[in-house]
Amino acid sequence: LMRSSAASDVYKRQALAIAGGLMMVFLASMTTAGQKAYASAGAVALEAISGIRTVAAFGGERREAVRYEKHLARARATGVRKGVVTGTGFGVTMMLIFLSYALALW
């Protein structure tokens, strides 16, 4: 019986390590994608602001605003996906912890 409990403890630790590792890999890639999306939106804003006289002369304020919003939409979508990954990873980690408590008390 003790050997089974020790083996079960090793599996719990491995499952927690795998869940945590996967969450960190996904979060790192999402963070990088989000930073790139915000950088491209910032570049659009900088371009429009630095050439504001030209933009205003040709009445391009609305077009530049739409262009900026499109880049921000990509950043928002990345942030939402990052939130889903964070929530799912945290949920799986807590599930594994509570299931190991339930197994220990059973």
N, C-alpha and C. Protein backbone atom coordinates (compact mmCIF):
# COMPACT_ATOMS: atom_id res chain seq x y z
N LEU A 1 0.82 -1.20 0.00
CA LEU A 1 0.00 0.00 0.00
C LEU A 1 0.86 1.26 0.00
N MET A 2 1.95 1.26 0.72
CA MET A 2 2.82 2.43 0.75
C MET A 2 3.49 2.66 -0.60
N ARG A 3 3.86 1.58 -1.26
CA ARG A 3 4.50 1.72 -2.56
C ARG A 3 3.55 2.36 -3.56
N SER A 4 2.28 2.00 -3.52
CA SER A 4 1.28 2.57 -4.41
C SER A 4 1.10 4.06 -4.13
N SER A 5 1.12 4.43 -2.85
CA SER A 5 0.96 5.84 -2.49
C SER A 5 2.16 6.66 -2.97
N ALA A 6 3.36 6.11 -2.84
CA ALA A 6 4.56 6.82 -3.29
C ALA A 6 4.54 6.98 -4.81
N ALA A 7 4.13 5.94 -5.51
CA ALA A 7 4.04 6.03 -6.97
C ALA A 7 2.99 7.04 -7.38
N SER A 8 1.88 7.06 -6.66
CA SER A 8 0.81 8.01 -6.96
C SER A 8 1.30 9.44 -6.74
N ASP A 9 2.10 9.65 -5.70
CA ASP A 9 2.63 10.97 -5.39
C ASP A 9 3.55 11.45 -6.52
N VAL A 10 4.34 10.54 -7.07
CA VAL A 10 5.22 10.90 -8.19
C VAL A 10 4.40 11.30 -9.41
N TYR A 11 3.32 10.56 -9.69
CA TYR A 11 2.47 10.90 -10.83
C TYR A 11 1.80 12.25 -10.65
N LYS A 12 1.40 12.57 -9.42
CA LYS A 12 0.78 13.87 -9.15
C LYS A 12 1.76 15.00 -9.43
N ARG A 13 2.98 14.82 -8.96
CA ARG A 13 4.00 15.85 -9.18
C ARG A 13 4.29 16.02 -10.67
N GLN A 14 4.37 14.91 -11.38
CA GLN A 14 4.63 14.98 -12.82
C GLN A 14 3.49 15.68 -13.54
N ALA A 15 2.26 15.36 -13.16
CA ALA A 15 1.10 15.99 -13.81
C ALA A 15 1.10 17.49 -13.54
N LEU A 16 1.40 17.90 -12.32
CA LEU A 16 1.45 19.33 -12.00
C LEU A 16 2.57 20.02 -12.77
N ALA A 17 3.73 19.37 -12.88
CA ALA A 17 4.85 19.96 -13.60
C ALA A 17 4.53 20.09 -15.09
N ILE A 18 3.90 19.10 -15.66
CA ILE A 18 3.54 19.15 -17.08
C ILE A 18 2.51 20.25 -17.33
N ALA A 19 1.48 20.33 -16.47
CA ALA A 19 0.45 21.36 -16.64
C ALA A 19 1.07 22.75 -16.50
N GLY A 20 1.93 22.94 -15.51
CA GLY A 20 2.57 24.23 -15.33
C GLY A 20 3.50 24.59 -16.48
N GLY A 21 4.24 23.61 -16.96
CA GLY A 21 5.16 23.84 -18.08
C GLY A 21 4.42 24.21 -19.36
N LEU A 22 3.33 23.50 -19.65
CA LEU A 22 2.55 23.82 -20.84
C LEU A 22 1.94 25.21 -20.74
N MET A 23 1.46 25.55 -19.56
CA MET A 23 0.87 26.88 -19.38
C MET A 23 1.92 27.96 -19.61
N MET A 24 3.12 27.76 -19.11
CA MET A 24 4.17 28.76 -19.28
C MET A 24 4.59 28.91 -20.75
N VAL A 25 4.67 27.80 -21.47
CA VAL A 25 5.03 27.86 -22.89
C VAL A 25 3.98 28.64 -23.68
N PHE A 26 2.70 28.33 -23.44
CA PHE A 26 1.63 29.03 -24.14
C PHE A 26 1.60 30.51 -23.77
N LEU A 27 1.78 30.81 -22.48
CA LEU A 27 1.75 32.21 -22.05
C LEU A 27 2.91 33.00 -22.64
N ALA A 28 4.07 32.39 -22.74
CA ALA A 28 5.22 33.09 -23.33
C ALA A 28 4.95 33.43 -24.79
N SER A 29 4.39 32.49 -25.54
CA SER A 29 4.11 32.76 -26.95
C SER A 29 3.01 33.80 -27.10
N MET A 30 2.00 33.75 -26.24
CA MET A 30 0.92 34.74 -26.30
C MET A 30 1.42 36.14 -25.94
N THR A 31 2.31 36.21 -24.96
CA THR A 31 2.86 37.50 -24.55
C THR A 31 3.66 38.12 -25.69
N THR A 32 4.46 37.31 -26.35
CA THR A 32 5.24 37.80 -27.49
C THR A 32 4.32 38.30 -28.61
N ALA A 33 3.29 37.53 -28.90
CA ALA A 33 2.35 37.94 -29.95
C ALA A 33 1.63 39.23 -29.57
N GLY A 34 1.26 39.36 -28.31
CA GLY A 34 0.60 40.58 -27.85
C GLY A 34 1.50 41.79 -27.94
N GLN A 35 2.76 41.62 -27.58
CA GLN A 35 3.71 42.73 -27.67
C GLN A 35 3.91 43.16 -29.12
N LYS A 36 3.98 42.19 -30.03
CA LYS A 36 4.13 42.53 -31.44
C LYS A 36 2.90 43.28 -31.97
N ALA A 37 1.72 42.84 -31.54
CA ALA A 37 0.49 43.50 -31.99
C ALA A 37 0.42 44.93 -31.47
N TYR A 38 0.77 45.15 -30.21
CA TYR A 38 0.77 46.51 -29.66
C TYR A 38 1.85 47.37 -30.31
N ALA A 39 2.98 46.76 -30.65
CA ALA A 39 4.04 47.51 -31.33
C ALA A 39 3.59 47.97 -32.71
N SER A 40 2.88 47.10 -33.43
CA SER A 40 2.41 47.50 -34.76
C SER A 40 1.34 48.59 -34.65
N ALA A 41 0.49 48.52 -33.63
CA ALA A 41 -0.51 49.57 -33.42
C ALA A 41 0.18 50.88 -33.06
N GLY A 42 1.22 50.81 -32.26
CA GLY A 42 1.98 52.01 -31.91
C GLY A 42 2.68 52.62 -33.11
N ALA A 43 3.16 51.76 -33.99
CA ALA A 43 3.82 52.25 -35.21
C ALA A 43 2.82 52.99 -36.10
N VAL A 44 1.60 52.47 -36.18
CA VAL A 44 0.56 53.14 -36.98
C VAL A 44 0.24 54.50 -36.37
N ALA A 45 0.10 54.55 -35.05
CA ALA A 45 -0.20 55.82 -34.39
C ALA A 45 0.94 56.82 -34.58
N LEU A 46 2.16 56.35 -34.42
CA LEU A 46 3.31 57.24 -34.58
C LEU A 46 3.39 57.79 -36.00
N GLU A 47 3.13 56.93 -36.98
CA GLU A 47 3.16 57.36 -38.37
C GLU A 47 2.10 58.41 -38.65
N ALA A 48 0.89 58.19 -38.10
CA ALA A 48 -0.20 59.15 -38.32
C ALA A 48 0.08 60.48 -37.61
N ILE A 49 0.60 60.40 -36.39
CA ILE A 49 0.85 61.63 -35.62
C ILE A 49 2.02 62.42 -36.21
N SER A 50 3.05 61.71 -36.65
CA SER A 50 4.21 62.42 -37.21
C SER A 50 3.87 63.09 -38.55
N GLY A 51 2.90 62.54 -39.24
CA GLY A 51 2.48 63.15 -40.51
C GLY A 51 1.09 63.74 -40.41
N ILE A 52 0.77 64.32 -39.25
CA ILE A 52 -0.59 64.79 -39.00
C ILE A 52 -1.03 65.87 -39.99
N ARG A 53 -0.11 66.70 -40.44
CA ARG A 53 -0.48 67.74 -41.41
C ARG A 53 -0.94 67.12 -42.72
N THR A 54 -0.21 66.12 -43.17
CA THR A 54 -0.57 65.45 -44.42
C THR A 54 -1.88 64.70 -44.27
N VAL A 55 -2.02 64.00 -43.12
CA VAL A 55 -3.25 63.25 -42.87
C VAL A 55 -4.45 64.19 -42.85
N ALA A 56 -4.30 65.32 -42.15
CA ALA A 56 -5.40 66.29 -42.06
C ALA A 56 -5.66 66.96 -43.42
N ALA A 57 -4.62 67.22 -44.17
CA ALA A 57 -4.79 67.88 -45.46
C ALA A 57 -5.60 67.04 -46.44
N PHE A 58 -5.42 65.72 -46.36
CA PHE A 58 -6.15 64.83 -47.27
C PHE A 58 -7.38 64.21 -46.61
N GLY A 59 -7.72 64.66 -45.40
CA GLY A 59 -8.92 64.15 -44.72
C GLY A 59 -8.82 62.68 -44.35
N GLY A 60 -7.66 62.24 -43.98
CA GLY A 60 -7.45 60.82 -43.69
C GLY A 60 -7.55 60.44 -42.23
N GLU A 61 -8.13 61.32 -41.39
CA GLU A 61 -8.21 61.01 -39.96
C GLU A 61 -9.00 59.74 -39.70
N ARG A 62 -10.14 59.61 -40.35
CA ARG A 62 -11.00 58.43 -40.13
C ARG A 62 -10.27 57.16 -40.60
N ARG A 63 -9.61 57.23 -41.75
CA ARG A 63 -8.90 56.07 -42.29
C ARG A 63 -7.78 55.63 -41.35
N GLU A 64 -7.05 56.60 -40.80
CA GLU A 64 -5.97 56.27 -39.87
C GLU A 64 -6.52 55.70 -38.57
N ALA A 65 -7.65 56.22 -38.13
CA ALA A 65 -8.27 55.70 -36.91
C ALA A 65 -8.72 54.25 -37.10
N VAL A 66 -9.29 53.97 -38.27
CA VAL A 66 -9.72 52.59 -38.58
C VAL A 66 -8.51 51.67 -38.65
N ARG A 67 -7.45 52.14 -39.27
CA ARG A 67 -6.21 51.35 -39.35
C ARG A 67 -5.66 51.03 -37.96
N TYR A 68 -5.66 52.03 -37.09
CA TYR A 68 -5.17 51.85 -35.71
C TYR A 68 -6.07 50.87 -34.95
N GLU A 69 -7.38 51.01 -35.11
CA GLU A 69 -8.32 50.12 -34.42
C GLU A 69 -8.17 48.67 -34.89
N LYS A 70 -7.84 48.49 -36.17
CA LYS A 70 -7.64 47.13 -36.68
C LYS A 70 -6.44 46.47 -35.99
N HIS A 71 -5.38 47.24 -35.82
CA HIS A 71 -4.20 46.70 -35.13
C HIS A 71 -4.49 46.45 -33.66
N LEU A 72 -5.28 47.32 -33.05
CA LEU A 72 -5.64 47.12 -31.65
C LEU A 72 -6.56 45.90 -31.48
N ALA A 73 -7.38 45.61 -32.47
CA ALA A 73 -8.26 44.45 -32.40
C ALA A 73 -7.44 43.16 -32.34
N ARG A 74 -6.34 43.13 -33.11
CA ARG A 74 -5.45 41.95 -33.04
C ARG A 74 -4.83 41.81 -31.66
N ALA A 75 -4.43 42.93 -31.08
CA ALA A 75 -3.85 42.90 -29.74
C ALA A 75 -4.88 42.44 -28.71
N ARG A 76 -6.11 42.91 -28.87
CA ARG A 76 -7.17 42.51 -27.94
C ARG A 76 -7.46 41.01 -28.06
N ALA A 77 -7.53 40.51 -29.28
CA ALA A 77 -7.78 39.08 -29.49
C ALA A 77 -6.68 38.24 -28.86
N THR A 78 -5.45 38.69 -28.98
CA THR A 78 -4.34 37.98 -28.36
C THR A 78 -4.47 38.00 -26.85
N GLY A 79 -4.88 39.14 -26.30
CA GLY A 79 -5.08 39.25 -24.86
C GLY A 79 -6.19 38.34 -24.36
N VAL A 80 -7.26 38.23 -25.13
CA VAL A 80 -8.36 37.34 -24.74
C VAL A 80 -7.90 35.90 -24.75
N ARG A 81 -7.16 35.51 -25.81
CA ARG A 81 -6.63 34.14 -25.86
C ARG A 81 -5.68 33.88 -24.70
N LYS A 82 -4.89 34.87 -24.35
CA LYS A 82 -3.97 34.72 -23.22
C LYS A 82 -4.75 34.53 -21.92
N GLY A 83 -5.85 35.24 -21.77
CA GLY A 83 -6.69 35.08 -20.59
C GLY A 83 -7.30 33.69 -20.51
N VAL A 84 -7.74 33.18 -21.66
CA VAL A 84 -8.32 31.83 -21.69
C VAL A 84 -7.26 30.79 -21.32
N VAL A 85 -6.06 30.94 -21.86
CA VAL A 85 -4.98 30.00 -21.54
C VAL A 85 -4.62 30.09 -20.06
N THR A 86 -4.53 31.30 -19.53
CA THR A 86 -4.21 31.47 -18.12
C THR A 86 -5.28 30.84 -17.24
N GLY A 87 -6.54 31.11 -17.54
CA GLY A 87 -7.63 30.55 -16.75
C GLY A 87 -7.69 29.04 -16.83
N THR A 88 -7.52 28.51 -18.02
CA THR A 88 -7.55 27.05 -18.20
C THR A 88 -6.37 26.40 -17.48
N GLY A 89 -5.19 26.97 -17.63
CA GLY A 89 -4.02 26.41 -16.96
C GLY A 89 -4.14 26.45 -15.45
N PHE A 90 -4.63 27.56 -14.92
CA PHE A 90 -4.82 27.67 -13.48
C PHE A 90 -5.89 26.68 -13.01
N GLY A 91 -6.96 26.56 -13.80
CA GLY A 91 -8.02 25.61 -13.45
C GLY A 91 -7.54 24.17 -13.44
N VAL A 92 -6.75 23.81 -14.44
CA VAL A 92 -6.21 22.44 -14.49
C VAL A 92 -5.27 22.20 -13.32
N THR A 93 -4.44 23.18 -13.01
CA THR A 93 -3.51 23.03 -11.88
C THR A 93 -4.27 22.86 -10.57
N MET A 94 -5.27 23.69 -10.35
CA MET A 94 -6.06 23.57 -9.11
C MET A 94 -6.83 22.25 -9.08
N MET A 95 -7.34 21.82 -10.25
CA MET A 95 -8.04 20.54 -10.30
C MET A 95 -7.11 19.41 -9.89
N LEU A 96 -5.88 19.42 -10.40
CA LEU A 96 -4.94 18.37 -10.05
C LEU A 96 -4.62 18.39 -8.56
N ILE A 97 -4.47 19.58 -8.00
CA ILE A 97 -4.18 19.68 -6.57
C ILE A 97 -5.34 19.13 -5.76
N PHE A 98 -6.57 19.55 -6.06
CA PHE A 98 -7.72 19.09 -5.29
C PHE A 98 -8.03 17.62 -5.52
N LEU A 99 -7.78 17.13 -6.73
CA LEU A 99 -7.96 15.69 -6.95
C LEU A 99 -6.93 14.88 -6.16
N SER A 100 -5.72 15.40 -6.03
CA SER A 100 -4.74 14.68 -5.22
C SER A 100 -5.12 14.71 -3.75
N TYR A 101 -5.71 15.82 -3.28
CA TYR A 101 -6.24 15.86 -1.90
C TYR A 101 -7.36 14.84 -1.73
N ALA A 102 -8.27 14.79 -2.70
CA ALA A 102 -9.38 13.85 -2.62
C ALA A 102 -8.87 12.41 -2.61
N LEU A 103 -7.89 12.14 -3.43
CA LEU A 103 -7.33 10.79 -3.47
C LEU A 103 -6.63 10.44 -2.16
N ALA A 104 -5.94 11.43 -1.58
CA ALA A 104 -5.25 11.18 -0.32
C ALA A 104 -6.23 10.93 0.81
N LEU A 105 -7.36 11.62 0.80
CA LEU A 105 -8.34 11.47 1.88
C LEU A 105 -9.28 10.29 1.67
N TRP A 106 -9.29 9.76 0.47
CA TRP A 106 -10.16 8.63 0.16
C TRP A 106 -9.54 7.40 0.68
